[in-house]
Amino acid sequence: MLEGLWITRFVAPPPEPLGILSGVVVIETGRILGGDSGFLYLGAIGEKVGASWPVSVRIKRHDDRAASIFGDVDDYVLTGSIHHDAGAEHQFMLVLGRDGTQEILVSLTKAAELP
């Protein structure tokens, strides 16, 4: 269900003044691999628990000009979970937090199945 190529879009907190923050990830065999114009995303997805999957994602800056929604941070880990959006077949929400303090929401929209 989760394996595929996904478009990511930061929803909350709002990405302004940084602009629209989006990227792509491949989810395959419990791994998350992807990024955007400024950051790499490398992570792992655990076994489904109830209606969600636990997630841990390392975010690492690859372009010094890119601004992070967490401020001047180059390399950090976010943990949280992926939840299916019951209203849309190929739509999920990724809820992540940093050190249990700052929560962000990321929309996941499936772009393609893997070959």
C-alpha atoms as a PDB file:
ATOM      1  CA  MET A   1       0.000   0.000   0.000  1.00  0.00           C
ATOM      2  CA  LEU A   2       2.775   2.470   0.870  1.00  0.00           C
ATOM      3  CA  GLU A   3       5.368   1.351  -1.658  1.00  0.00           C
ATOM      4  CA  GLY A   4       5.689   3.801  -4.527  1.00  0.00           C
ATOM      5  CA  LEU A   5       6.885   7.241  -5.601  1.00  0.00           C
ATOM      6  CA  TRP A   6       5.285   9.987  -3.494  1.00  0.00           C
ATOM      7  CA  ILE A   7       5.054  13.769  -3.751  1.00  0.00           C
ATOM      8  CA  THR A   8       5.610  15.448  -0.390  1.00  0.00           C
ATOM      9  CA  ARG A   9       4.195  18.845   0.542  1.00  0.00           C
ATOM     10  CA  PHE A  10       4.657  20.535   3.905  1.00  0.00           C
ATOM     11  CA  VAL A  11       1.235  21.579   5.232  1.00  0.00           C
ATOM     12  CA  ALA A  12       1.745  22.835   8.792  1.00  0.00           C
ATOM     13  CA  PRO A  13       3.338  24.930   9.954  1.00  0.00           C
ATOM     14  CA  PRO A  14       2.672  26.939   6.805  1.00  0.00           C
ATOM     15  CA  PRO A  15       5.811  27.006   4.654  1.00  0.00           C
ATOM     16  CA  GLU A  16       5.718  30.799   4.238  1.00  0.00           C
ATOM     17  CA  PRO A  17       7.917  32.804   4.080  1.00  0.00           C
ATOM     18  CA  LEU A  18      10.001  29.992   2.572  1.00  0.00           C
ATOM     19  CA  GLY A  19       7.558  29.371  -0.282  1.00  0.00           C
ATOM     20  CA  ILE A  20       5.936  26.083  -1.234  1.00  0.00           C
ATOM     21  CA  LEU A  21       7.983  23.294   0.281  1.00  0.00           C
ATOM     22  CA  SER A  22       7.654  20.047  -1.612  1.00  0.00           C
ATOM     23  CA  GLY A  23       9.772  17.136  -2.701  1.00  0.00           C
ATOM     24  CA  VAL A  24       9.592  13.470  -3.601  1.00  0.00           C
ATOM     25  CA  VAL A  25      10.215  10.218  -1.751  1.00  0.00           C
ATOM     26  CA  VAL A  26      10.372   6.588  -2.730  1.00  0.00           C
ATOM     27  CA  ILE A  27       8.945   4.206  -0.164  1.00  0.00           C
ATOM     28  CA  GLU A  28      10.163   0.657  -0.665  1.00  0.00           C
ATOM     29  CA  THR A  29      10.691  -2.299   1.697  1.00  0.00           C
ATOM     30  CA  GLY A  30      10.279  -0.156   4.795  1.00  0.00           C
ATOM     31  CA  ARG A  31      12.666   2.561   3.608  1.00  0.00           C
ATOM     32  CA  ILE A  32      12.113   6.218   2.749  1.00  0.00           C
ATOM     33  CA  LEU A  33      14.527   7.730   0.213  1.00  0.00           C
ATOM     34  CA  GLY A  34      14.086  11.185  -1.261  1.00  0.00           C
ATOM     35  CA  GLY A  35      14.502  14.895  -0.867  1.00  0.00           C
ATOM     36  CA  ASP A  36      13.856  18.349  -2.188  1.00  0.00           C
ATOM     37  CA  SER A  37      15.982  21.190  -3.548  1.00  0.00           C
ATOM     38  CA  GLY A  38      17.749  21.706  -0.224  1.00  0.00           C
ATOM     39  CA  PHE A  39      17.454  18.547   1.878  1.00  0.00           C
ATOM     40  CA  LEU A  40      17.813  14.762   1.679  1.00  0.00           C
ATOM     41  CA  TYR A  41      15.263  12.491   3.391  1.00  0.00           C
ATOM     42  CA  LEU A  42      16.438   9.075   4.595  1.00  0.00           C
ATOM     43  CA  GLY A  43      14.220   7.035   6.829  1.00  0.00           C
ATOM     44  CA  ALA A  44      12.500   3.888   7.943  1.00  0.00           C
ATOM     45  CA  ILE A  45       8.881   2.826   8.302  1.00  0.00           C
ATOM     46  CA  GLY A  46       7.871   0.263  10.916  1.00  0.00           C
ATOM     47  CA  GLU A  47       5.094  -2.315  10.818  1.00  0.00           C
ATOM     48  CA  LYS A  48       1.558  -0.959  10.760  1.00  0.00           C
ATOM     49  CA  VAL A  49       0.080  -0.433  14.233  1.00  0.00           C
ATOM     50  CA  GLY A  50      -3.681   0.069  14.179  1.00  0.00           C
ATOM     51  CA  ALA A  51      -4.341   2.644  11.459  1.00  0.00           C
ATOM     52  CA  SER A  52      -0.816   4.077  11.184  1.00  0.00           C
ATOM     53  CA  TRP A  53       2.831   3.256  10.487  1.00  0.00           C
ATOM     54  CA  PRO A  54       5.637   4.519  12.773  1.00  0.00           C
ATOM     55  CA  VAL A  55       8.284   6.559  10.949  1.00  0.00           C
ATOM     56  CA  SER A  56      11.765   7.917  11.620  1.00  0.00           C
ATOM     57  CA  VAL A  57      13.272  10.274   9.018  1.00  0.00           C
ATOM     58  CA  ARG A  58      16.725  11.853   8.945  1.00  0.00           C
ATOM     59  CA  ILE A  59      16.744  15.256   7.256  1.00  0.00           C
ATOM     60  CA  LYS A  60      20.127  16.481   6.005  1.00  0.00           C
ATOM     61  CA  ARG A  61      20.855  19.773   4.232  1.00  0.00           C
ATOM     62  CA  HIS A  62      22.708  19.406   0.908  1.00  0.00           C
ATOM     63  CA  ASP A  63      22.405  23.043  -0.231  1.00  0.00           C
ATOM     64  CA  ASP A  64      23.620  25.731   2.185  1.00  0.00           C
ATOM     65  CA  ARG A  65      21.265  28.269   0.593  1.00  0.00           C
ATOM     66  CA  ALA A  66      18.178  26.251   1.574  1.00  0.00           C
ATOM     67  CA  ALA A  67      16.239  27.388   4.637  1.00  0.00           C
ATOM     68  CA  SER A  68      14.869  24.857   7.113  1.00  0.00           C
ATOM     69  CA  ILE A  69      11.474  25.221   8.745  1.00  0.00           C
ATOM     70  CA  PHE A  70      13.344  24.486  11.993  1.00  0.00           C
ATOM     71  CA  GLY A  71      15.797  27.358  11.548  1.00  0.00           C
ATOM     72  CA  ASP A  72      19.556  26.986  11.211  1.00  0.00           C
ATOM     73  CA  VAL A  73      19.734  23.193  11.495  1.00  0.00           C
ATOM     74  CA  ASP A  74      21.695  21.078   8.990  1.00  0.00           C
ATOM     75  CA  ASP A  75      21.064  17.506  10.118  1.00  0.00           C
ATOM     76  CA  TYR A  76      18.272  16.196  12.341  1.00  0.00           C
ATOM     77  CA  VAL A  77      15.896  13.283  12.885  1.00  0.00           C
ATOM     78  CA  LEU A  78      12.110  13.515  12.933  1.00  0.00           C
ATOM     79  CA  THR A  79       9.883  10.772  14.311  1.00  0.00           C
ATOM     80  CA  GLY A  80       6.163  10.258  13.956  1.00  0.00           C
ATOM     81  CA  SER A  81       3.661   8.297  11.923  1.00  0.00           C
ATOM     82  CA  ILE A  82       1.913   7.978   8.563  1.00  0.00           C
ATOM     83  CA  HIS A  83      -1.886   7.984   8.569  1.00  0.00           C
ATOM     84  CA  HIS A  84      -4.190   7.155   5.661  1.00  0.00           C
ATOM     85  CA  ASP A  85      -6.554   9.937   4.616  1.00  0.00           C
ATOM     86  CA  ALA A  86      -9.878   8.089   4.565  1.00  0.00           C
ATOM     87  CA  GLY A  87     -11.253  10.516   1.996  1.00  0.00           C
ATOM     88  CA  ALA A  88      -8.648   9.825  -0.690  1.00  0.00           C
ATOM     89  CA  GLU A  89      -7.334   6.529  -2.024  1.00  0.00           C
ATOM     90  CA  HIS A  90      -3.738   7.642  -2.636  1.00  0.00           C
ATOM     91  CA  GLN A  91      -3.444  10.358   0.011  1.00  0.00           C
ATOM     92  CA  PHE A  92      -1.688  10.043   3.376  1.00  0.00           C
ATOM     93  CA  MET A  93      -0.590  12.443   6.100  1.00  0.00           C
ATOM     94  CA  LEU A  94       2.831  12.221   7.681  1.00  0.00           C
ATOM     95  CA  VAL A  95       2.930  13.678  11.207  1.00  0.00           C
ATOM     96  CA  LEU A  96       6.478  14.317  12.400  1.00  0.00           C
ATOM     97  CA  GLY A  97       8.032  15.916  15.453  1.00  0.00           C
ATOM     98  CA  ARG A  98      11.486  17.039  16.472  1.00  0.00           C
ATOM     99  CA  ASP A  99      12.464  16.308  20.060  1.00  0.00           C
ATOM    100  CA  GLY A 100       8.765  16.048  20.904  1.00  0.00           C
ATOM    101  CA  THR A 101       8.303  19.807  20.601  1.00  0.00           C
ATOM    102  CA  GLN A 102       7.679  21.013  17.064  1.00  0.00           C
ATOM    103  CA  GLU A 103       5.113  19.077  15.074  1.00  0.00           C
ATOM    104  CA  ILE A 104       4.844  19.298  11.308  1.00  0.00           C
ATOM    105  CA  LEU A 105       2.347  17.823   8.878  1.00  0.00           C
ATOM    106  CA  VAL A 106       3.389  16.574   5.462  1.00  0.00           C
ATOM    107  CA  SER A 107       0.909  15.569   2.780  1.00  0.00           C
ATOM    108  CA  LEU A 108       1.873  12.446   0.800  1.00  0.00           C
ATOM    109  CA  THR A 109       0.297  11.971  -2.625  1.00  0.00           C
ATOM    110  CA  LYS A 110       1.152   8.843  -4.601  1.00  0.00           C
ATOM    111  CA  ALA A 111       2.592   9.768  -7.991  1.00  0.00           C
ATOM    112  CA  ALA A 112       3.467   6.313  -9.327  1.00  0.00           C
ATOM    113  CA  GLU A 113       3.753   2.647  -8.515  1.00  0.00           C
ATOM    114  CA  LEU A 114       7.268   1.204  -8.498  1.00  0.00           C
ATOM    115  CA  PRO A 115       8.315  -0.897 -11.500  1.00  0.00           C
END
